[in-house]
Amino acid sequence: MRTLCASTLIGEFFVIGFAGLVAMKLDGMSMATVWTVCGIGMLVSVLLCGVITRPGGVQLGWVLQAALFMSGLFVPMMYILGVVFAALWWASVHYGRTIDEAKARWAAQAEAEPQEAGQA
């Protein structure tokens, strides 16, 4: 799960950065505000890569997905990208857990086979 989720989060890192470049051109927002918010979002996306397997990591990822979607209030294209990344996040978590469960089963089978061969 960690690899799939981290890949999604690194993609979001770049999307947040590019959204910051777009938001810089908007009237009514200072460059300092734009880069403070984008910088925090980018930092959170990278830090989440390291804590994704810890308790609450997936939920923090969902909070980031919601924030990415809500950034569409300022950059309308982010509504679409927010939905796309929320779908990628769901797929990363869902299929990542499925893969982790399969790996655990294979490891248990591999561990059990030498013991069975030694008893025969």
PDB file of N, CA and C in Angstrom:
ATOM      1  N   MET A   1       0.819  -1.184   0.000  1.00  0.00           N
ATOM      2  CA  MET A   1       0.000   0.000   0.000  1.00  0.00           C
ATOM      3  C   MET A   1       0.869   1.257   0.000  1.00  0.00           C
ATOM      4  N   ARG A   2       1.976   1.156   0.696  1.00  0.00           N
ATOM      5  CA  ARG A   2       2.815   2.341   0.842  1.00  0.00           C
ATOM      6  C   ARG A   2       3.310   2.875  -0.500  1.00  0.00           C
ATOM      7  N   THR A   3       3.708   1.993  -1.380  1.00  0.00           N
ATOM      8  CA  THR A   3       4.244   2.422  -2.672  1.00  0.00           C
ATOM      9  C   THR A   3       3.184   3.115  -3.514  1.00  0.00           C
ATOM     10  N   LEU A   4       2.001   2.526  -3.590  1.00  0.00           N
ATOM     11  CA  LEU A   4       0.935   3.130  -4.392  1.00  0.00           C
ATOM     12  C   LEU A   4       0.507   4.475  -3.823  1.00  0.00           C
ATOM     13  N   CYS A   5       0.337   4.547  -2.510  1.00  0.00           N
ATOM     14  CA  CYS A   5      -0.089   5.802  -1.888  1.00  0.00           C
ATOM     15  C   CYS A   5       0.988   6.880  -2.019  1.00  0.00           C
ATOM     16  N   ALA A   6       2.236   6.491  -1.840  1.00  0.00           N
ATOM     17  CA  ALA A   6       3.322   7.460  -1.968  1.00  0.00           C
ATOM     18  C   ALA A   6       3.407   7.999  -3.397  1.00  0.00           C
ATOM     19  N   SER A   7       3.166   7.162  -4.378  1.00  0.00           N
ATOM     20  CA  SER A   7       3.176   7.621  -5.773  1.00  0.00           C
ATOM     21  C   SER A   7       2.087   8.661  -6.010  1.00  0.00           C
ATOM     22  N   THR A   8       0.914   8.416  -5.454  1.00  0.00           N
ATOM     23  CA  THR A   8      -0.185   9.374  -5.588  1.00  0.00           C
ATOM     24  C   THR A   8       0.171  10.687  -4.891  1.00  0.00           C
ATOM     25  N   LEU A   9       0.748  10.595  -3.705  1.00  0.00           N
ATOM     26  CA  LEU A   9       1.089  11.801  -2.951  1.00  0.00           C
ATOM     27  C   LEU A   9       2.182  12.619  -3.640  1.00  0.00           C
ATOM     28  N   ILE A  10       3.137  11.957  -4.254  1.00  0.00           N
ATOM     29  CA  ILE A  10       4.182  12.698  -4.973  1.00  0.00           C
ATOM     30  C   ILE A  10       3.586  13.374  -6.208  1.00  0.00           C
ATOM     31  N   GLY A  11       2.646  12.718  -6.868  1.00  0.00           N
ATOM     32  CA  GLY A  11       1.938  13.371  -7.973  1.00  0.00           C
ATOM     33  C   GLY A  11       1.203  14.607  -7.490  1.00  0.00           C
ATOM     34  N   GLU A  12       0.592  14.516  -6.319  1.00  0.00           N
ATOM     35  CA  GLU A  12      -0.104  15.669  -5.753  1.00  0.00           C
ATOM     36  C   GLU A  12       0.863  16.788  -5.409  1.00  0.00           C
ATOM     37  N   PHE A  13       2.056  16.445  -4.974  1.00  0.00           N
ATOM     38  CA  PHE A  13       3.082  17.445  -4.686  1.00  0.00           C
ATOM     39  C   PHE A  13       3.283  18.355  -5.899  1.00  0.00           C
ATOM     40  N   PHE A  14       3.437  17.732  -7.058  1.00  0.00           N
ATOM     41  CA  PHE A  14       3.655  18.513  -8.272  1.00  0.00           C
ATOM     42  C   PHE A  14       2.407  19.285  -8.689  1.00  0.00           C
ATOM     43  N   VAL A  15       1.252  18.680  -8.543  1.00  0.00           N
ATOM     44  CA  VAL A  15       0.005  19.361  -8.912  1.00  0.00           C
ATOM     45  C   VAL A  15      -0.206  20.590  -8.032  1.00  0.00           C
ATOM     46  N   ILE A  16       0.068  20.467  -6.747  1.00  0.00           N
ATOM     47  CA  ILE A  16      -0.080  21.611  -5.841  1.00  0.00           C
ATOM     48  C   ILE A  16       0.884  22.721  -6.247  1.00  0.00           C
ATOM     49  N   GLY A  17       2.099  22.351  -6.590  1.00  0.00           N
ATOM     50  CA  GLY A  17       3.070  23.352  -7.036  1.00  0.00           C
ATOM     51  C   GLY A  17       2.635  24.061  -8.306  1.00  0.00           C
ATOM     52  N   PHE A  18       2.122  23.303  -9.265  1.00  0.00           N
ATOM     53  CA  PHE A  18       1.650  23.932 -10.505  1.00  0.00           C
ATOM     54  C   PHE A  18       0.412  24.777 -10.261  1.00  0.00           C
ATOM     55  N   ALA A  19      -0.442  24.351  -9.341  1.00  0.00           N
ATOM     56  CA  ALA A  19      -1.621  25.156  -8.999  1.00  0.00           C
ATOM     57  C   ALA A  19      -1.183  26.472  -8.368  1.00  0.00           C
ATOM     58  N   GLY A  20      -0.101  26.442  -7.616  1.00  0.00           N
ATOM     59  CA  GLY A  20       0.435  27.671  -7.042  1.00  0.00           C
ATOM     60  C   GLY A  20       0.892  28.645  -8.114  1.00  0.00           C
ATOM     61  N   LEU A  21       1.490  28.120  -9.169  1.00  0.00           N
ATOM     62  CA  LEU A  21       1.905  28.992 -10.276  1.00  0.00           C
ATOM     63  C   LEU A  21       0.695  29.645 -10.939  1.00  0.00           C
ATOM     64  N   VAL A  22      -0.384  28.893 -11.076  1.00  0.00           N
ATOM     65  CA  VAL A  22      -1.609  29.449 -11.657  1.00  0.00           C
ATOM     66  C   VAL A  22      -2.217  30.475 -10.710  1.00  0.00           C
ATOM     67  N   ALA A  23      -2.266  30.147  -9.421  1.00  0.00           N
ATOM     68  CA  ALA A  23      -2.884  31.026  -8.435  1.00  0.00           C
ATOM     69  C   ALA A  23      -2.119  32.337  -8.274  1.00  0.00           C
ATOM     70  N   MET A  24      -0.834  32.340  -8.569  1.00  0.00           N
ATOM     71  CA  MET A  24      -0.045  33.575  -8.487  1.00  0.00           C
ATOM     72  C   MET A  24      -0.594  34.651  -9.404  1.00  0.00           C
ATOM     73  N   LYS A  25      -1.184  34.252 -10.508  1.00  0.00           N
ATOM     74  CA  LYS A  25      -1.673  35.197 -11.508  1.00  0.00           C
ATOM     75  C   LYS A  25      -3.059  35.747 -11.167  1.00  0.00           C
ATOM     76  N   LEU A  26      -3.695  35.201 -10.124  1.00  0.00           N
ATOM     77  CA  LEU A  26      -5.037  35.642  -9.761  1.00  0.00           C
ATOM     78  C   LEU A  26      -4.993  36.974  -9.025  1.00  0.00           C
ATOM     79  N   ASP A  27      -6.001  37.794  -9.266  1.00  0.00           N
ATOM     80  CA  ASP A  27      -6.109  39.055  -8.545  1.00  0.00           C
ATOM     81  C   ASP A  27      -6.611  38.791  -7.130  1.00  0.00           C
ATOM     82  N   GLY A  28      -6.180  39.590  -6.209  1.00  0.00           N
ATOM     83  CA  GLY A  28      -6.686  39.501  -4.849  1.00  0.00           C
ATOM     84  C   GLY A  28      -5.912  38.580  -3.932  1.00  0.00           C
ATOM     85  N   MET A  29      -4.904  37.901  -4.438  1.00  0.00           N
ATOM     86  CA  MET A  29      -4.106  37.032  -3.577  1.00  0.00           C
ATOM     87  C   MET A  29      -2.642  37.426  -3.685  1.00  0.00           C
ATOM     88  N   SER A  30      -2.027  37.575  -2.526  1.00  0.00           N
ATOM     89  CA  SER A  30      -0.610  37.924  -2.535  1.00  0.00           C
ATOM     90  C   SER A  30       0.225  36.681  -2.812  1.00  0.00           C
ATOM     91  N   MET A  31       1.403  36.910  -3.326  1.00  0.00           N
ATOM     92  CA  MET A  31       2.297  35.811  -3.636  1.00  0.00           C
ATOM     93  C   MET A  31       2.680  35.074  -2.349  1.00  0.00           C
ATOM     94  N   ALA A  32       2.840  35.819  -1.257  1.00  0.00           N
ATOM     95  CA  ALA A  32       3.198  35.193   0.018  1.00  0.00           C
ATOM     96  C   ALA A  32       2.093  34.245   0.485  1.00  0.00           C
ATOM     97  N   THR A  33       0.844  34.642   0.337  1.00  0.00           N
ATOM     98  CA  THR A  33      -0.278  33.796   0.742  1.00  0.00           C
ATOM     99  C   THR A  33      -0.324  32.535  -0.110  1.00  0.00           C
ATOM    100  N   VAL A  34      -0.218  32.720  -1.405  1.00  0.00           N
ATOM    101  CA  VAL A  34      -0.275  31.583  -2.329  1.00  0.00           C
ATOM    102  C   VAL A  34       0.810  30.573  -1.992  1.00  0.00           C
ATOM    103  N   TRP A  35       2.040  31.015  -1.820  1.00  0.00           N
ATOM    104  CA  TRP A  35       3.135  30.068  -1.610  1.00  0.00           C
ATOM    105  C   TRP A  35       3.193  29.526  -0.193  1.00  0.00           C
ATOM    106  N   THR A  36       2.609  30.260   0.759  1.00  0.00           N
ATOM    107  CA  THR A  36       2.508  29.694   2.106  1.00  0.00           C
ATOM    108  C   THR A  36       1.537  28.519   2.095  1.00  0.00           C
ATOM    109  N   VAL A  37       0.368  28.722   1.494  1.00  0.00           N
ATOM    110  CA  VAL A  37      -0.633  27.659   1.441  1.00  0.00           C
ATOM    111  C   VAL A  37      -0.135  26.496   0.586  1.00  0.00           C
ATOM    112  N   CYS A  38       0.402  26.789  -0.575  1.00  0.00           N
ATOM    113  CA  CYS A  38       0.900  25.724  -1.455  1.00  0.00           C
ATOM    114  C   CYS A  38       2.092  25.005  -0.829  1.00  0.00           C
ATOM    115  N   GLY A  39       2.964  25.762  -0.187  1.00  0.00           N
ATOM    116  CA  GLY A  39       4.126  25.146   0.463  1.00  0.00           C
ATOM    117  C   GLY A  39       3.719  24.190   1.567  1.00  0.00           C
ATOM    118  N   ILE A  40       2.713  24.584   2.345  1.00  0.00           N
ATOM    119  CA  ILE A  40       2.216  23.696   3.398  1.00  0.00           C
ATOM    120  C   ILE A  40       1.608  22.443   2.774  1.00  0.00           C
ATOM    121  N   GLY A  41       0.819  22.617   1.726  1.00  0.00           N
ATOM    122  CA  GLY A  41       0.221  21.461   1.046  1.00  0.00           C
ATOM    123  C   GLY A  41       1.270  20.534   0.466  1.00  0.00           C
ATOM    124  N   MET A  42       2.295  21.110  -0.134  1.00  0.00           N
ATOM    125  CA  MET A  42       3.363  20.298  -0.712  1.00  0.00           C
ATOM    126  C   MET A  42       4.139  19.557   0.386  1.00  0.00           C
ATOM    127  N   LEU A  43       4.408  20.250   1.490  1.00  0.00           N
ATOM    128  CA  LEU A  43       5.116  19.626   2.605  1.00  0.00           C
ATOM    129  C   LEU A  43       4.297  18.483   3.200  1.00  0.00           C
ATOM    130  N   VAL A  44       3.008  18.709   3.375  1.00  0.00           N
ATOM    131  CA  VAL A  44       2.133  17.670   3.921  1.00  0.00           C
ATOM    132  C   VAL A  44       2.121  16.447   3.004  1.00  0.00           C
ATOM    133  N   SER A  45       2.063  16.681   1.695  1.00  0.00           N
ATOM    134  CA  SER A  45       2.021  15.532   0.775  1.00  0.00           C
ATOM    135  C   SER A  45       3.304  14.706   0.861  1.00  0.00           C
ATOM    136  N   VAL A  46       4.439  15.343   1.040  1.00  0.00           N
ATOM    137  CA  VAL A  46       5.698  14.599   1.157  1.00  0.00           C
ATOM    138  C   VAL A  46       5.788  13.902   2.509  1.00  0.00           C
ATOM    139  N   LEU A  47       5.398  14.593   3.582  1.00  0.00           N
ATOM    140  CA  LEU A  47       5.458  13.986   4.911  1.00  0.00           C
ATOM    141  C   LEU A  47       4.516  12.792   5.043  1.00  0.00           C
ATOM    142  N   LEU A  48       3.383  12.868   4.373  1.00  0.00           N
ATOM    143  CA  LEU A  48       2.434  11.752   4.413  1.00  0.00           C
ATOM    144  C   LEU A  48       3.028  10.486   3.800  1.00  0.00           C
ATOM    145  N   CYS A  49       3.948  10.634   2.875  1.00  0.00           N
ATOM    146  CA  CYS A  49       4.595   9.448   2.290  1.00  0.00           C
ATOM    147  C   CYS A  49       5.275   8.608   3.368  1.00  0.00           C
ATOM    148  N   GLY A  50       5.793   9.265   4.386  1.00  0.00           N
ATOM    149  CA  GLY A  50       6.497   8.554   5.440  1.00  0.00           C
ATOM    150  C   GLY A  50       5.613   7.983   6.527  1.00  0.00           C
ATOM    151  N   VAL A  51       4.402   8.518   6.669  1.00  0.00           N
ATOM    152  CA  VAL A  51       3.536   8.074   7.773  1.00  0.00           C
ATOM    153  C   VAL A  51       2.292   7.347   7.285  1.00  0.00           C
ATOM    154  N   ILE A  52       2.247   7.011   6.030  1.00  0.00           N
ATOM    155  CA  ILE A  52       1.030   6.447   5.441  1.00  0.00           C
ATOM    156  C   ILE A  52       0.644   5.115   6.074  1.00  0.00           C
ATOM    157  N   THR A  53       1.592   4.330   6.533  1.00  0.00           N
ATOM    158  CA  THR A  53       1.264   3.031   7.112  1.00  0.00           C
ATOM    159  C   THR A  53       0.986   3.108   8.609  1.00  0.00           C
ATOM    160  N   ARG A  54       1.163   4.267   9.194  1.00  0.00           N
ATOM    161  CA  ARG A  54       0.880   4.436  10.623  1.00  0.00           C
ATOM    162  C   ARG A  54      -0.599   4.722  10.836  1.00  0.00           C
ATOM    163  N   PRO A  55      -1.068   4.503  12.064  1.00  0.00           N
ATOM    164  CA  PRO A  55      -2.493   4.792  12.342  1.00  0.00           C
ATOM    165  C   PRO A  55      -2.834   6.248  12.024  1.00  0.00           C
ATOM    166  N   GLY A  56      -3.904   6.435  11.295  1.00  0.00           N
ATOM    167  CA  GLY A  56      -4.344   7.767  10.924  1.00  0.00           C
ATOM    168  C   GLY A  56      -3.736   8.299   9.637  1.00  0.00           C
ATOM    169  N   GLY A  57      -2.776   7.603   9.084  1.00  0.00           N
ATOM    170  CA  GLY A  57      -2.115   8.071   7.869  1.00  0.00           C
ATOM    171  C   GLY A  57      -3.055   8.146   6.682  1.00  0.00           C
ATOM    172  N   VAL A  58      -3.863   7.128   6.499  1.00  0.00           N
ATOM    173  CA  VAL A  58      -4.813   7.117   5.376  1.00  0.00           C
ATOM    174  C   VAL A  58      -5.851   8.224   5.559  1.00  0.00           C
ATOM    175  N   GLN A  59      -6.295   8.424   6.800  1.00  0.00           N
ATOM    176  CA  GLN A  59      -7.284   9.475   7.054  1.00  0.00           C
ATOM    177  C   GLN A  59      -6.698  10.859   6.776  1.00  0.00           C
ATOM    178  N   LEU A  60      -5.440  11.070   7.133  1.00  0.00           N
ATOM    179  CA  LEU A  60      -4.797  12.343   6.794  1.00  0.00           C
ATOM    180  C   LEU A  60      -4.698  12.514   5.278  1.00  0.00           C
ATOM    181  N   GLY A  61      -4.488  11.424   4.581  1.00  0.00           N
ATOM    182  CA  GLY A  61      -4.483  11.483   3.118  1.00  0.00           C
ATOM    183  C   GLY A  61      -5.828  11.923   2.578  1.00  0.00           C
ATOM    184  N   TRP A  62      -6.922  11.446   3.188  1.00  0.00           N
ATOM    185  CA  TRP A  62      -8.255  11.879   2.759  1.00  0.00           C
ATOM    186  C   TRP A  62      -8.467  13.362   3.038  1.00  0.00           C
ATOM    187  N   VAL A  63      -7.912  13.860   4.141  1.00  0.00           N
ATOM    188  CA  VAL A  63      -8.008  15.296   4.433  1.00  0.00           C
ATOM    189  C   VAL A  63      -7.289  16.091   3.351  1.00  0.00           C
ATOM    190  N   LEU A  64      -6.130  15.605   2.936  1.00  0.00           N
ATOM    191  CA  LEU A  64      -5.402  16.274   1.852  1.00  0.00           C
ATOM    192  C   LEU A  64      -6.207  16.243   0.556  1.00  0.00           C
ATOM    193  N   GLN A  65      -6.892  15.123   0.285  1.00  0.00           N
ATOM    194  CA  GLN A  65      -7.712  15.034  -0.926  1.00  0.00           C
ATOM    195  C   GLN A  65      -8.835  16.075  -0.883  1.00  0.00           C
ATOM    196  N   ALA A  66      -9.463  16.222   0.283  1.00  0.00           N
ATOM    197  CA  ALA A  66     -10.539  17.208   0.429  1.00  0.00           C
ATOM    198  C   ALA A  66     -10.002  18.625   0.242  1.00  0.00           C
ATOM    199  N   ALA A  67      -8.821  18.901   0.792  1.00  0.00           N
ATOM    200  CA  ALA A  67      -8.220  20.224   0.636  1.00  0.00           C
ATOM    201  C   ALA A  67      -7.875  20.494  -0.829  1.00  0.00           C
ATOM    202  N   LEU A  68      -7.392  19.492  -1.506  1.00  0.00           N
ATOM    203  CA  LEU A  68      -7.066  19.649  -2.925  1.00  0.00           C
ATOM    204  C   LEU A  68      -8.327  19.969  -3.724  1.00  0.00           C
ATOM    205  N   PHE A  69      -9.414  19.266  -3.420  1.00  0.00           N
ATOM    206  CA  PHE A  69     -10.682  19.533  -4.095  1.00  0.00           C
ATOM    207  C   PHE A  69     -11.175  20.946  -3.778  1.00  0.00           C
ATOM    208  N   MET A  70     -11.095  21.343  -2.524  1.00  0.00           N
ATOM    209  CA  MET A  70     -11.593  22.657  -2.118  1.00  0.00           C
ATOM    210  C   MET A  70     -10.749  23.807  -2.669  1.00  0.00           C
ATOM    211  N   SER A  71      -9.530  23.514  -3.084  1.00  0.00           N
ATOM    212  CA  SER A  71      -8.719  24.571  -3.694  1.00  0.00           C
ATOM    213  C   SER A  71      -9.311  25.017  -5.025  1.00  0.00           C
ATOM    214  N   GLY A  72     -10.297  24.261  -5.508  1.00  0.00           N
ATOM    215  CA  GLY A  72     -11.015  24.671  -6.715  1.00  0.00           C
ATOM    216  C   GLY A  72     -11.774  25.979  -6.530  1.00  0.00           C
ATOM    217  N   LEU A  73     -11.984  26.392  -5.296  1.00  0.00           N
ATOM    218  CA  LEU A  73     -12.595  27.701  -5.051  1.00  0.00           C
ATOM    219  C   LEU A  73     -11.746  28.826  -5.628  1.00  0.00           C
ATOM    220  N   PHE A  74     -10.441  28.600  -5.686  1.00  0.00           N
ATOM    221  CA  PHE A  74      -9.522  29.627  -6.171  1.00  0.00           C
ATOM    222  C   PHE A  74      -9.020  29.338  -7.577  1.00  0.00           C
ATOM    223  N   VAL A  75      -8.786  28.084  -7.866  1.00  0.00           N
ATOM    224  CA  VAL A  75      -8.348  27.659  -9.197  1.00  0.00           C
ATOM    225  C   VAL A  75      -9.347  26.592  -9.655  1.00  0.00           C
ATOM    226  N   PRO A  76     -10.340  26.963 -10.463  1.00  0.00           N
ATOM    227  CA  PRO A  76     -11.430  26.041 -10.799  1.00  0.00           C
ATOM    228  C   PRO A  76     -10.999  24.689 -11.364  1.00  0.00           C
ATOM    229  N   MET A  77      -9.917  24.615 -12.063  1.00  0.00           N
ATOM    230  CA  MET A  77      -9.446  23.340 -12.612  1.00  0.00           C
ATOM    231  C   MET A  77      -9.126  22.339 -11.501  1.00  0.00           C
ATOM    232  N   MET A  78      -8.887  22.839 -10.299  1.00  0.00           N
ATOM    233  CA  MET A  78      -8.553  21.960  -9.186  1.00  0.00           C
ATOM    234  C   MET A  78      -9.741  21.108  -8.746  1.00  0.00           C
ATOM    235  N   TYR A  79     -10.968  21.515  -9.087  1.00  0.00           N
ATOM    236  CA  TYR A  79     -12.107  20.646  -8.812  1.00  0.00           C
ATOM    237  C   TYR A  79     -11.942  19.321  -9.564  1.00  0.00           C
ATOM    238  N   ILE A  80     -11.589  19.431 -10.820  1.00  0.00           N
ATOM    239  CA  ILE A  80     -11.411  18.226 -11.644  1.00  0.00           C
ATOM    240  C   ILE A  80     -10.220  17.413 -11.144  1.00  0.00           C
ATOM    241  N   LEU A  81      -9.105  18.083 -10.906  1.00  0.00           N
ATOM    242  CA  LEU A  81      -7.919  17.375 -10.428  1.00  0.00           C
ATOM    243  C   LEU A  81      -8.143  16.803  -9.034  1.00  0.00           C
ATOM    244  N   GLY A  82      -8.939  17.483  -8.224  1.00  0.00           N
ATOM    245  CA  GLY A  82      -9.268  16.964  -6.903  1.00  0.00           C
ATOM    246  C   GLY A  82     -10.036  15.659  -6.983  1.00  0.00           C
ATOM    247  N   VAL A  83     -10.991  15.593  -7.901  1.00  0.00           N
ATOM    248  CA  VAL A  83     -11.756  14.356  -8.089  1.00  0.00           C
ATOM    249  C   VAL A  83     -10.846  13.248  -8.626  1.00  0.00           C
ATOM    250  N   VAL A  84      -9.994  13.593  -9.573  1.00  0.00           N
ATOM    251  CA  VAL A  84      -9.080  12.599 -10.148  1.00  0.00           C
ATOM    252  C   VAL A  84      -8.152  12.037  -9.070  1.00  0.00           C
ATOM    253  N   PHE A  85      -7.573  12.925  -8.257  1.00  0.00           N
ATOM    254  CA  PHE A  85      -6.652  12.444  -7.226  1.00  0.00           C
ATOM    255  C   PHE A  85      -7.369  11.739  -6.092  1.00  0.00           C
ATOM    256  N   ALA A  86      -8.611  12.109  -5.801  1.00  0.00           N
ATOM    257  CA  ALA A  86      -9.379  11.361  -4.798  1.00  0.00           C
ATOM    258  C   ALA A  86      -9.629   9.937  -5.295  1.00  0.00           C
ATOM    259  N   ALA A  87      -9.930   9.794  -6.584  1.00  0.00           N
ATOM    260  CA  ALA A  87     -10.118   8.457  -7.157  1.00  0.00           C
ATOM    261  C   ALA A  87      -8.806   7.672  -7.125  1.00  0.00           C
ATOM    262  N   LEU A  88      -7.701   8.324  -7.450  1.00  0.00           N
ATOM    263  CA  LEU A  88      -6.393   7.660  -7.385  1.00  0.00           C
ATOM    264  C   LEU A  88      -6.053   7.270  -5.949  1.00  0.00           C
ATOM    265  N   TRP A  89      -6.395   8.134  -5.007  1.00  0.00           N
ATOM    266  CA  TRP A  89      -6.130   7.837  -3.599  1.00  0.00           C
ATOM    267  C   TRP A  89      -6.932   6.613  -3.160  1.00  0.00           C
ATOM    268  N   TRP A  90      -8.224   6.587  -3.514  1.00  0.00           N
ATOM    269  CA  TRP A  90      -9.048   5.437  -3.168  1.00  0.00           C
ATOM    270  C   TRP A  90      -8.460   4.159  -3.765  1.00  0.00           C
ATOM    271  N   ALA A  91      -8.094   4.220  -5.043  1.00  0.00           N
ATOM    272  CA  ALA A  91      -7.538   3.041  -5.710  1.00  0.00           C
ATOM    273  C   ALA A  91      -6.220   2.620  -5.059  1.00  0.00           C
ATOM    274  N   SER A  92      -5.390   3.572  -4.695  1.00  0.00           N
ATOM    275  CA  SER A  92      -4.108   3.257  -4.060  1.00  0.00           C
ATOM    276  C   SER A  92      -4.320   2.556  -2.726  1.00  0.00           C
ATOM    277  N   VAL A  93      -5.256   3.062  -1.938  1.00  0.00           N
ATOM    278  CA  VAL A  93      -5.521   2.455  -0.629  1.00  0.00           C
ATOM    279  C   VAL A  93      -6.165   1.083  -0.810  1.00  0.00           C
ATOM    280  N   HIS A  94      -7.181   1.009  -1.648  1.00  0.00           N
ATOM    281  CA  HIS A  94      -7.922  -0.242  -1.833  1.00  0.00           C
ATOM    282  C   HIS A  94      -7.033  -1.345  -2.404  1.00  0.00           C
ATOM    283  N   TYR A  95      -6.408  -1.075  -3.528  1.00  0.00           N
ATOM    284  CA  TYR A  95      -5.590  -2.104  -4.167  1.00  0.00           C
ATOM    285  C   TYR A  95      -4.279  -2.330  -3.418  1.00  0.00           C
ATOM    286  N   GLY A  96      -3.777  -1.313  -2.764  1.00  0.00           N
ATOM    287  CA  GLY A  96      -2.571  -1.491  -1.952  1.00  0.00           C
ATOM    288  C   GLY A  96      -2.805  -2.458  -0.809  1.00  0.00           C
ATOM    289  N   ARG A  97      -3.962  -2.326  -0.149  1.00  0.00           N
ATOM    290  CA  ARG A  97      -4.293  -3.265   0.934  1.00  0.00           C
ATOM    291  C   ARG A  97      -4.497  -4.674   0.387  1.00  0.00           C
ATOM    292  N   THR A  98      -5.116  -4.774  -0.778  1.00  0.00           N
ATOM    293  CA  THR A  98      -5.311  -6.081  -1.402  1.00  0.00           C
ATOM    294  C   THR A  98      -3.966  -6.742  -1.696  1.00  0.00           C
ATOM    295  N   ILE A  99      -3.042  -5.983  -2.216  1.00  0.00           N
ATOM    296  CA  ILE A  99      -1.701  -6.508  -2.520  1.00  0.00           C
ATOM    297  C   ILE A  99      -0.979  -6.899  -1.239  1.00  0.00           C
ATOM    298  N   ASP A 100      -1.082  -6.070  -0.199  1.00  0.00           N
ATOM    299  CA  ASP A 100      -0.441  -6.391   1.077  1.00  0.00           C
ATOM    300  C   ASP A 100      -0.984  -7.688   1.670  1.00  0.00           C
ATOM    301  N   GLU A 101      -2.306  -7.888   1.577  1.00  0.00           N
ATOM    302  CA  GLU A 101      -2.907  -9.127   2.080  1.00  0.00           C
ATOM    303  C   GLU A 101      -2.420 -10.335   1.285  1.00  0.00           C
ATOM    304  N   ALA A 102      -2.314 -10.190  -0.028  1.00  0.00           N
ATOM    305  CA  ALA A 102      -1.827 -11.295  -0.862  1.00  0.00           C
ATOM    306  C   ALA A 102      -0.374 -11.617  -0.525  1.00  0.00           C
ATOM    307  N   LYS A 103       0.447 -10.594  -0.321  1.00  0.00           N
ATOM    308  CA  LYS A 103       1.849 -10.829   0.046  1.00  0.00           C
ATOM    309  C   LYS A 103       1.949 -11.552   1.385  1.00  0.00           C
ATOM    310  N   ALA A 104       1.089 -11.183   2.326  1.00  0.00           N
ATOM    311  CA  ALA A 104       1.106 -11.850   3.635  1.00  0.00           C
ATOM    312  C   ALA A 104       0.713 -13.317   3.503  1.00  0.00           C
ATOM    313  N   ARG A 105      -0.288 -13.598   2.657  1.00  0.00           N
ATOM    314  CA  ARG A 105      -0.688 -14.999   2.431  1.00  0.00           C
ATOM    315  C   ARG A 105       0.446 -15.792   1.801  1.00  0.00           C
ATOM    316  N   TRP A 106       1.096 -15.208   0.796  1.00  0.00           N
ATOM    317  CA  TRP A 106       2.200 -15.904   0.125  1.00  0.00           C
ATOM    318  C   TRP A 106       3.348 -16.155   1.097  1.00  0.00           C
ATOM    319  N   ALA A 107       3.639 -15.187   1.955  1.00  0.00           N
ATOM    320  CA  ALA A 107       4.715 -15.355   2.934  1.00  0.00           C
ATOM    321  C   ALA A 107       4.358 -16.462   3.924  1.00  0.00           C
ATOM    322  N   ALA A 108       3.101 -16.519   4.344  1.00  0.00           N
ATOM    323  CA  ALA A 108       2.671 -17.571   5.268  1.00  0.00           C
ATOM    324  C   ALA A 108       2.753 -18.935   4.604  1.00  0.00           C
ATOM    325  N   GLN A 109       2.375 -19.012   3.332  1.00  0.00           N
ATOM    326  CA  GLN A 109       2.469 -20.278   2.610  1.00  0.00           C
ATOM    327  C   GLN A 109       3.922 -20.703   2.436  1.00  0.00           C
ATOM    328  N   ALA A 110       4.775 -19.769   2.110  1.00  0.00           N
ATOM    329  CA  ALA A 110       6.184 -20.085   1.918  1.00  0.00           C
ATOM    330  C   ALA A 110       6.815 -20.546   3.229  1.00  0.00           C
ATOM    331  N   GLU A 111       6.390 -19.981   4.331  1.00  0.00           N
ATOM    332  CA  GLU A 111       6.917 -20.374   5.630  1.00  0.00           C
ATOM    333  C   GLU A 111       6.412 -21.757   6.027  1.00  0.00           C
ATOM    334  N   ALA A 112       5.176 -22.072   5.669  1.00  0.00           N
ATOM    335  CA  ALA A 112       4.579 -23.351   6.034  1.00  0.00           C
ATOM    336  C   ALA A 112       5.125 -24.506   5.186  1.00  0.00           C
ATOM    337  N   GLU A 113       5.481 -24.268   3.947  1.00  0.00           N
ATOM    338  CA  GLU A 113       5.951 -25.326   3.050  1.00  0.00           C
ATOM    339  C   GLU A 113       7.235 -26.008   3.524  1.00  0.00           C
ATOM    340  N   PRO A 114       8.273 -25.262   3.966  1.00  0.00           N
ATOM    341  CA  PRO A 114       9.478 -25.988   4.435  1.00  0.00           C
ATOM    342  C   PRO A 114       9.192 -26.835   5.669  1.00  0.00           C
ATOM    343  N   GLN A 115       8.297 -26.398   6.525  1.00  0.00           N
ATOM    344  CA  GLN A 115       7.967 -27.178   7.720  1.00  0.00           C
ATOM    345  C   GLN A 115       7.269 -28.476   7.334  1.00  0.00           C
ATOM    346  N   GLU A 116       6.375 -28.395   6.350  1.00  0.00           N
ATOM    347  CA  GLU A 116       5.663 -29.601   5.873  1.00  0.00           C
ATOM    348  C   GLU A 116       6.635 -30.550   5.200  1.00  0.00           C
ATOM    349  N   ALA A 117       7.602 -30.022   4.461  1.00  0.00           N
ATOM    350  CA  ALA A 117       8.566 -30.877   3.753  1.00  0.00           C
ATOM    351  C   ALA A 117       9.469 -31.583   4.753  1.00  0.00           C
ATOM    352  N   GLY A 118       9.787 -30.936   5.872  1.00  0.00           N
ATOM    353  CA  GLY A 118      10.648 -31.535   6.875  1.00  0.00           C
ATOM    354  C   GLY A 118       9.947 -32.630   7.660  1.00  0.00           C
ATOM    355  N   GLN A 119       8.635 -32.586   7.750  1.00  0.00           N
ATOM    356  CA  GLN A 119       7.879 -33.581   8.488  1.00  0.00           C
ATOM    357  C   GLN A 119       7.622 -34.828   7.655  1.00  0.00           C
ATOM    358  N   ALA A 120       7.686 -34.725   6.365  1.00  0.00           N
ATOM    359  CA  ALA A 120       7.352 -35.852   5.479  1.00  0.00           C
ATOM    360  C   ALA A 120       8.406 -36.878   5.408  1.00  0.00           C
TER     361      ALA A 120
END
